[in-house]
Amino acid sequence: MCAGTAYWANIGRVVYGMSEHQLLQETGNHAENPTMSVPSRYVFDHCQKPVELIGPVEEIIAETVAMQRSFWATRGG
């Protein structure tokens, strides 16, 4: 997820199903997904406006992982 984009779009709440670390575990060193080791919580904690961060939500983790696996399997890499 791009925390900066959510912040600048004035989104006040972000709900997510997997962390950046989990995404990196799924995609590995994929050329089209250069992950950063900067958690969204860290980004939002340093913003001037509050952004509520909820997650990873236990009930949607498996579904989120499955969607990411399906998407990145079609990307090669």
PDB file of N, CA and C in Angstrom:
ATOM      1  N   MET A   1       0.854  -1.159   0.000  1.00  0.00           N
ATOM      2  CA  MET A   1       0.000   0.000   0.000  1.00  0.00           C
ATOM      3  C   MET A   1       0.897   1.218   0.000  1.00  0.00           C
ATOM      4  N   CYS A   2       0.437   2.283  -0.571  1.00  0.00           N
ATOM      5  CA  CYS A   2       1.221   3.510  -0.573  1.00  0.00           C
ATOM      6  C   CYS A   2       0.621   4.480   0.437  1.00  0.00           C
ATOM      7  N   ALA A   3       1.223   4.528   1.608  1.00  0.00           N
ATOM      8  CA  ALA A   3       0.714   5.373   2.681  1.00  0.00           C
ATOM      9  C   ALA A   3       0.745   6.848   2.302  1.00  0.00           C
ATOM     10  N   GLY A   4       1.776   7.264   1.605  1.00  0.00           N
ATOM     11  CA  GLY A   4       1.866   8.662   1.195  1.00  0.00           C
ATOM     12  C   GLY A   4       0.714   9.071   0.300  1.00  0.00           C
ATOM     13  N   THR A   5       0.353   8.213  -0.628  1.00  0.00           N
ATOM     14  CA  THR A   5      -0.764   8.499  -1.526  1.00  0.00           C
ATOM     15  C   THR A   5      -2.065   8.598  -0.745  1.00  0.00           C
ATOM     16  N   ALA A   6      -2.292   7.686   0.184  1.00  0.00           N
ATOM     17  CA  ALA A   6      -3.505   7.731   1.006  1.00  0.00           C
ATOM     18  C   ALA A   6      -3.553   9.030   1.807  1.00  0.00           C
ATOM     19  N   TYR A   7      -2.434   9.423   2.351  1.00  0.00           N
ATOM     20  CA  TYR A   7      -2.365  10.659   3.135  1.00  0.00           C
ATOM     21  C   TYR A   7      -2.690  11.874   2.274  1.00  0.00           C
ATOM     22  N   TRP A   8      -2.028  12.010   1.138  1.00  0.00           N
ATOM     23  CA  TRP A   8      -2.234  13.178   0.281  1.00  0.00           C
ATOM     24  C   TRP A   8      -3.614  13.199  -0.363  1.00  0.00           C
ATOM     25  N   ALA A   9      -4.269  12.052  -0.431  1.00  0.00           N
ATOM     26  CA  ALA A   9      -5.638  11.994  -0.959  1.00  0.00           C
ATOM     27  C   ALA A   9      -6.665  12.275   0.142  1.00  0.00           C
ATOM     28  N   ASN A  10      -6.184  12.644   1.319  1.00  0.00           N
ATOM     29  CA  ASN A  10      -7.047  12.963   2.460  1.00  0.00           C
ATOM     30  C   ASN A  10      -7.912  11.790   2.901  1.00  0.00           C
ATOM     31  N   ILE A  11      -7.382  10.597   2.769  1.00  0.00           N
ATOM     32  CA  ILE A  11      -8.073   9.405   3.254  1.00  0.00           C
ATOM     33  C   ILE A  11      -7.802   9.309   4.753  1.00  0.00           C
ATOM     34  N   GLY A  12      -8.845   9.275   5.535  1.00  0.00           N
ATOM     35  CA  GLY A  12      -8.700   9.324   6.987  1.00  0.00           C
ATOM     36  C   GLY A  12      -8.611   7.977   7.673  1.00  0.00           C
ATOM     37  N   ARG A  13      -8.899   6.916   6.929  1.00  0.00           N
ATOM     38  CA  ARG A  13      -8.836   5.571   7.522  1.00  0.00           C
ATOM     39  C   ARG A  13      -8.352   4.594   6.464  1.00  0.00           C
ATOM     40  N   VAL A  14      -7.393   3.767   6.826  1.00  0.00           N
ATOM     41  CA  VAL A  14      -6.876   2.733   5.935  1.00  0.00           C
ATOM     42  C   VAL A  14      -7.042   1.388   6.643  1.00  0.00           C
ATOM     43  N   VAL A  15      -7.705   0.464   5.962  1.00  0.00           N
ATOM     44  CA  VAL A  15      -7.886  -0.896   6.463  1.00  0.00           C
ATOM     45  C   VAL A  15      -7.141  -1.816   5.501  1.00  0.00           C
ATOM     46  N   TYR A  16      -6.294  -2.692   6.028  1.00  0.00           N
ATOM     47  CA  TYR A  16      -5.498  -3.530   5.138  1.00  0.00           C
ATOM     48  C   TYR A  16      -5.436  -4.973   5.612  1.00  0.00           C
ATOM     49  N   GLY A  17      -5.072  -5.854   4.670  1.00  0.00           N
ATOM     50  CA  GLY A  17      -5.075  -7.283   4.943  1.00  0.00           C
ATOM     51  C   GLY A  17      -3.708  -7.923   5.024  1.00  0.00           C
ATOM     52  N   MET A  18      -2.655  -7.205   4.648  1.00  0.00           N
ATOM     53  CA  MET A  18      -1.307  -7.760   4.805  1.00  0.00           C
ATOM     54  C   MET A  18      -0.302  -6.617   4.869  1.00  0.00           C
ATOM     55  N   SER A  19       0.770  -6.854   5.593  1.00  0.00           N
ATOM     56  CA  SER A  19       1.800  -5.831   5.761  1.00  0.00           C
ATOM     57  C   SER A  19       2.753  -5.821   4.566  1.00  0.00           C
ATOM     58  N   GLU A  20       3.553  -4.782   4.503  1.00  0.00           N
ATOM     59  CA  GLU A  20       4.589  -4.684   3.468  1.00  0.00           C
ATOM     60  C   GLU A  20       5.563  -5.857   3.591  1.00  0.00           C
ATOM     61  N   HIS A  21       5.876  -6.226   4.822  1.00  0.00           N
ATOM     62  CA  HIS A  21       6.770  -7.366   5.056  1.00  0.00           C
ATOM     63  C   HIS A  21       6.160  -8.655   4.502  1.00  0.00           C
ATOM     64  N   GLN A  22       4.873  -8.852   4.739  1.00  0.00           N
ATOM     65  CA  GLN A  22       4.191 -10.036   4.213  1.00  0.00           C
ATOM     66  C   GLN A  22       4.168 -10.013   2.685  1.00  0.00           C
ATOM     67  N   LEU A  23       3.961  -8.836   2.101  1.00  0.00           N
ATOM     68  CA  LEU A  23       3.956  -8.717   0.642  1.00  0.00           C
ATOM     69  C   LEU A  23       5.326  -9.086   0.077  1.00  0.00           C
ATOM     70  N   LEU A  24       6.384  -8.618   0.710  1.00  0.00           N
ATOM     71  CA  LEU A  24       7.738  -8.963   0.269  1.00  0.00           C
ATOM     72  C   LEU A  24       7.962 -10.467   0.346  1.00  0.00           C
ATOM     73  N   GLN A  25       7.449 -11.109   1.388  1.00  0.00           N
ATOM     74  CA  GLN A  25       7.582 -12.565   1.496  1.00  0.00           C
ATOM     75  C   GLN A  25       6.879 -13.262   0.336  1.00  0.00           C
ATOM     76  N   GLU A  26       5.764 -12.722  -0.113  1.00  0.00           N
ATOM     77  CA  GLU A  26       5.003 -13.330  -1.205  1.00  0.00           C
ATOM     78  C   GLU A  26       5.630 -13.063  -2.568  1.00  0.00           C
ATOM     79  N   THR A  27       6.121 -11.853  -2.790  1.00  0.00           N
ATOM     80  CA  THR A  27       6.612 -11.480  -4.120  1.00  0.00           C
ATOM     81  C   THR A  27       8.109 -11.665  -4.281  1.00  0.00           C
ATOM     82  N   GLY A  28       8.832 -11.706  -3.181  1.00  0.00           N
ATOM     83  CA  GLY A  28      10.282 -11.801  -3.276  1.00  0.00           C
ATOM     84  C   GLY A  28      10.866 -10.539  -3.894  1.00  0.00           C
ATOM     85  N   ASN A  29      11.965 -10.672  -4.550  1.00  0.00           N
ATOM     86  CA  ASN A  29      12.648  -9.537  -5.167  1.00  0.00           C
ATOM     87  C   ASN A  29      12.114  -9.331  -6.584  1.00  0.00           C
ATOM     88  N   HIS A  30      10.837  -8.996  -6.693  1.00  0.00           N
ATOM     89  CA  HIS A  30      10.173  -8.843  -7.987  1.00  0.00           C
ATOM     90  C   HIS A  30      10.489  -7.466  -8.564  1.00  0.00           C
ATOM     91  N   ALA A  31      10.952  -7.424  -9.797  1.00  0.00           N
ATOM     92  CA  ALA A  31      11.350  -6.168 -10.433  1.00  0.00           C
ATOM     93  C   ALA A  31      10.212  -5.154 -10.512  1.00  0.00           C
ATOM     94  N   GLU A  32       8.968  -5.613 -10.604  1.00  0.00           N
ATOM     95  CA  GLU A  32       7.829  -4.700 -10.713  1.00  0.00           C
ATOM     96  C   GLU A  32       7.242  -4.325  -9.355  1.00  0.00           C
ATOM     97  N   ASN A  33       7.800  -4.831  -8.284  1.00  0.00           N
ATOM     98  CA  ASN A  33       7.296  -4.512  -6.950  1.00  0.00           C
ATOM     99  C   ASN A  33       8.459  -4.298  -5.991  1.00  0.00           C
ATOM    100  N   PRO A  34       9.214  -3.207  -6.188  1.00  0.00           N
ATOM    101  CA  PRO A  34      10.340  -2.944  -5.296  1.00  0.00           C
ATOM    102  C   PRO A  34       9.829  -2.431  -3.943  1.00  0.00           C
ATOM    103  N   THR A  35       9.657  -3.339  -3.001  1.00  0.00           N
ATOM    104  CA  THR A  35       9.104  -2.966  -1.700  1.00  0.00           C
ATOM    105  C   THR A  35      10.104  -2.139  -0.901  1.00  0.00           C
ATOM    106  N   MET A  36       9.575  -1.412   0.080  1.00  0.00           N
ATOM    107  CA  MET A  36      10.396  -0.619   0.995  1.00  0.00           C
ATOM    108  C   MET A  36      10.122  -1.100   2.409  1.00  0.00           C
ATOM    109  N   SER A  37      11.117  -1.093   3.224  1.00  0.00           N
ATOM    110  CA  SER A  37      10.943  -1.502   4.612  1.00  0.00           C
ATOM    111  C   SER A  37      10.564  -0.291   5.464  1.00  0.00           C
ATOM    112  N   VAL A  38       9.438   0.317   5.097  1.00  0.00           N
ATOM    113  CA  VAL A  38       8.914   1.467   5.831  1.00  0.00           C
ATOM    114  C   VAL A  38       7.433   1.199   6.086  1.00  0.00           C
ATOM    115  N   PRO A  39       7.082   0.738   7.270  1.00  0.00           N
ATOM    116  CA  PRO A  39       5.686   0.423   7.553  1.00  0.00           C
ATOM    117  C   PRO A  39       4.785   1.654   7.439  1.00  0.00           C
ATOM    118  N   SER A  40       3.573   1.441   6.978  1.00  0.00           N
ATOM    119  CA  SER A  40       2.623   2.550   6.848  1.00  0.00           C
ATOM    120  C   SER A  40       2.362   3.203   8.202  1.00  0.00           C
ATOM    121  N   ARG A  41       2.385   2.420   9.259  1.00  0.00           N
ATOM    122  CA  ARG A  41       2.174   2.992  10.597  1.00  0.00           C
ATOM    123  C   ARG A  41       3.234   4.059  10.889  1.00  0.00           C
ATOM    124  N   TYR A  42       4.472   3.806  10.496  1.00  0.00           N
ATOM    125  CA  TYR A  42       5.546   4.783  10.688  1.00  0.00           C
ATOM    126  C   TYR A  42       5.250   6.055   9.900  1.00  0.00           C
ATOM    127  N   VAL A  43       4.826   5.900   8.652  1.00  0.00           N
ATOM    128  CA  VAL A  43       4.516   7.063   7.814  1.00  0.00           C
ATOM    129  C   VAL A  43       3.394   7.876   8.449  1.00  0.00           C
ATOM    130  N   PHE A  44       2.291   7.215   8.803  1.00  0.00           N
ATOM    131  CA  PHE A  44       1.143   7.927   9.358  1.00  0.00           C
ATOM    132  C   PHE A  44       1.454   8.565  10.709  1.00  0.00           C
ATOM    133  N   ASP A  45       2.320   7.960  11.491  1.00  0.00           N
ATOM    134  CA  ASP A  45       2.708   8.540  12.778  1.00  0.00           C
ATOM    135  C   ASP A  45       3.485   9.842  12.610  1.00  0.00           C
ATOM    136  N   HIS A  46       3.990  10.100  11.411  1.00  0.00           N
ATOM    137  CA  HIS A  46       4.781  11.297  11.163  1.00  0.00           C
ATOM    138  C   HIS A  46       4.067  12.307  10.276  1.00  0.00           C
ATOM    139  N   CYS A  47       2.771  12.181  10.149  1.00  0.00           N
ATOM    140  CA  CYS A  47       1.971  13.099   9.333  1.00  0.00           C
ATOM    141  C   CYS A  47       1.362  14.189  10.211  1.00  0.00           C
ATOM    142  N   GLN A  48       1.013  15.307   9.589  1.00  0.00           N
ATOM    143  CA  GLN A  48       0.377  16.394  10.327  1.00  0.00           C
ATOM    144  C   GLN A  48      -1.095  16.120  10.594  1.00  0.00           C
ATOM    145  N   LYS A  49      -1.742  15.379   9.693  1.00  0.00           N
ATOM    146  CA  LYS A  49      -3.156  15.040   9.861  1.00  0.00           C
ATOM    147  C   LYS A  49      -3.244  13.587  10.315  1.00  0.00           C
ATOM    148  N   PRO A  50      -4.191  13.272  11.190  1.00  0.00           N
ATOM    149  CA  PRO A  50      -4.313  11.881  11.641  1.00  0.00           C
ATOM    150  C   PRO A  50      -4.885  10.974  10.554  1.00  0.00           C
ATOM    151  N   VAL A  51      -4.367   9.766  10.481  1.00  0.00           N
ATOM    152  CA  VAL A  51      -4.899   8.719   9.610  1.00  0.00           C
ATOM    153  C   VAL A  51      -5.050   7.478  10.481  1.00  0.00           C
ATOM    154  N   GLU A  52      -6.275   6.980  10.571  1.00  0.00           N
ATOM    155  CA  GLU A  52      -6.520   5.771  11.351  1.00  0.00           C
ATOM    156  C   GLU A  52      -6.061   4.567  10.540  1.00  0.00           C
ATOM    157  N   LEU A  53      -5.281   3.719  11.146  1.00  0.00           N
ATOM    158  CA  LEU A  53      -4.743   2.545  10.462  1.00  0.00           C
ATOM    159  C   LEU A  53      -5.249   1.289  11.159  1.00  0.00           C
ATOM    160  N   ILE A  54      -5.930   0.436  10.397  1.00  0.00           N
ATOM    161  CA  ILE A  54      -6.517  -0.782  10.947  1.00  0.00           C
ATOM    162  C   ILE A  54      -5.977  -1.971  10.169  1.00  0.00           C
ATOM    163  N   GLY A  55      -5.275  -2.849  10.850  1.00  0.00           N
ATOM    164  CA  GLY A  55      -4.787  -4.034  10.175  1.00  0.00           C
ATOM    165  C   GLY A  55      -3.432  -4.484  10.670  1.00  0.00           C
ATOM    166  N   PRO A  56      -2.997  -5.587  10.140  1.00  0.00           N
ATOM    167  CA  PRO A  56      -3.738  -6.408   9.188  1.00  0.00           C
ATOM    168  C   PRO A  56      -4.961  -7.048   9.851  1.00  0.00           C
ATOM    169  N   VAL A  57      -6.069  -7.028   9.148  1.00  0.00           N
ATOM    170  CA  VAL A  57      -7.333  -7.555   9.656  1.00  0.00           C
ATOM    171  C   VAL A  57      -7.325  -9.071   9.484  1.00  0.00           C
ATOM    172  N   GLU A  58      -7.387  -9.766  10.589  1.00  0.00           N
ATOM    173  CA  GLU A  58      -7.265 -11.229  10.610  1.00  0.00           C
ATOM    174  C   GLU A  58      -8.230 -11.911   9.642  1.00  0.00           C
ATOM    175  N   GLU A  59      -9.464 -11.412   9.578  1.00  0.00           N
ATOM    176  CA  GLU A  59     -10.493 -12.057   8.760  1.00  0.00           C
ATOM    177  C   GLU A  59     -10.233 -11.974   7.260  1.00  0.00           C
ATOM    178  N   ILE A  60      -9.376 -11.062   6.826  1.00  0.00           N
ATOM    179  CA  ILE A  60      -9.139 -10.927   5.376  1.00  0.00           C
ATOM    180  C   ILE A  60      -7.706 -11.243   4.956  1.00  0.00           C
ATOM    181  N   ILE A  61      -6.875 -11.682   5.883  1.00  0.00           N
ATOM    182  CA  ILE A  61      -5.477 -11.980   5.544  1.00  0.00           C
ATOM    183  C   ILE A  61      -5.391 -13.051   4.462  1.00  0.00           C
ATOM    184  N   ALA A  62      -6.066 -14.171   4.645  1.00  0.00           N
ATOM    185  CA  ALA A  62      -5.978 -15.271   3.671  1.00  0.00           C
ATOM    186  C   ALA A  62      -6.456 -14.826   2.294  1.00  0.00           C
ATOM    187  N   GLU A  63      -7.545 -14.077   2.242  1.00  0.00           N
ATOM    188  CA  GLU A  63      -8.066 -13.587   0.960  1.00  0.00           C
ATOM    189  C   GLU A  63      -7.091 -12.611   0.304  1.00  0.00           C
ATOM    190  N   THR A  64      -6.508 -11.739   1.106  1.00  0.00           N
ATOM    191  CA  THR A  64      -5.547 -10.766   0.580  1.00  0.00           C
ATOM    192  C   THR A  64      -4.311 -11.462   0.030  1.00  0.00           C
ATOM    193  N   VAL A  65      -3.788 -12.422   0.766  1.00  0.00           N
ATOM    194  CA  VAL A  65      -2.619 -13.180   0.306  1.00  0.00           C
ATOM    195  C   VAL A  65      -2.943 -13.906  -0.994  1.00  0.00           C
ATOM    196  N   ALA A  66      -4.125 -14.518  -1.073  1.00  0.00           N
ATOM    197  CA  ALA A  66      -4.521 -15.239  -2.295  1.00  0.00           C
ATOM    198  C   ALA A  66      -4.600 -14.293  -3.488  1.00  0.00           C
ATOM    199  N   MET A  67      -5.157 -13.097  -3.289  1.00  0.00           N
ATOM    200  CA  MET A  67      -5.236 -12.124  -4.389  1.00  0.00           C
ATOM    201  C   MET A  67      -3.846 -11.693  -4.839  1.00  0.00           C
ATOM    202  N   GLN A  68      -2.950 -11.445  -3.892  1.00  0.00           N
ATOM    203  CA  GLN A  68      -1.587 -11.043  -4.247  1.00  0.00           C
ATOM    204  C   GLN A  68      -0.868 -12.166  -4.995  1.00  0.00           C
ATOM    205  N   ARG A  69      -0.998 -13.376  -4.513  1.00  0.00           N
ATOM    206  CA  ARG A  69      -0.358 -14.519  -5.192  1.00  0.00           C
ATOM    207  C   ARG A  69      -0.866 -14.645  -6.621  1.00  0.00           C
ATOM    208  N   SER A  70      -2.171 -14.538  -6.798  1.00  0.00           N
ATOM    209  CA  SER A  70      -2.770 -14.649  -8.127  1.00  0.00           C
ATOM    210  C   SER A  70      -2.263 -13.541  -9.048  1.00  0.00           C
ATOM    211  N   PHE A  71      -2.248 -12.319  -8.551  1.00  0.00           N
ATOM    212  CA  PHE A  71      -1.793 -11.188  -9.364  1.00  0.00           C
ATOM    213  C   PHE A  71      -0.327 -11.334  -9.754  1.00  0.00           C
ATOM    214  N   TRP A  72       0.542 -11.580  -8.787  1.00  0.00           N
ATOM    215  CA  TRP A  72       1.973 -11.621  -9.073  1.00  0.00           C
ATOM    216  C   TRP A  72       2.374 -12.854  -9.867  1.00  0.00           C
ATOM    217  N   ALA A  73       1.578 -13.903  -9.825  1.00  0.00           N
ATOM    218  CA  ALA A  73       1.857 -15.092 -10.646  1.00  0.00           C
ATOM    219  C   ALA A  73       1.717 -14.771 -12.128  1.00  0.00           C
ATOM    220  N   THR A  74       0.891 -13.790 -12.462  1.00  0.00           N
ATOM    221  CA  THR A  74       0.692 -13.402 -13.864  1.00  0.00           C
ATOM    222  C   THR A  74       1.722 -12.392 -14.338  1.00  0.00           C
ATOM    223  N   ARG A  75       2.545 -11.887 -13.436  1.00  0.00           N
ATOM    224  CA  ARG A  75       3.495 -10.826 -13.767  1.00  0.00           C
ATOM    225  C   ARG A  75       4.877 -11.346 -14.140  1.00  0.00           C
ATOM    226  N   GLY A  76       5.118 -12.623 -13.986  1.00  0.00           N
ATOM    227  CA  GLY A  76       6.471 -13.131 -14.262  1.00  0.00           C
ATOM    228  C   GLY A  76       7.428 -12.617 -13.215  1.00  0.00           C
ATOM    229  N   GLY A  77       8.678 -12.506 -13.570  1.00  0.00           N
ATOM    230  CA  GLY A  77       9.593 -11.857 -12.671  1.00  0.00           C
ATOM    231  C   GLY A  77      10.536 -12.744 -11.990  1.00  0.00           C
TER     232      GLY A  77
END
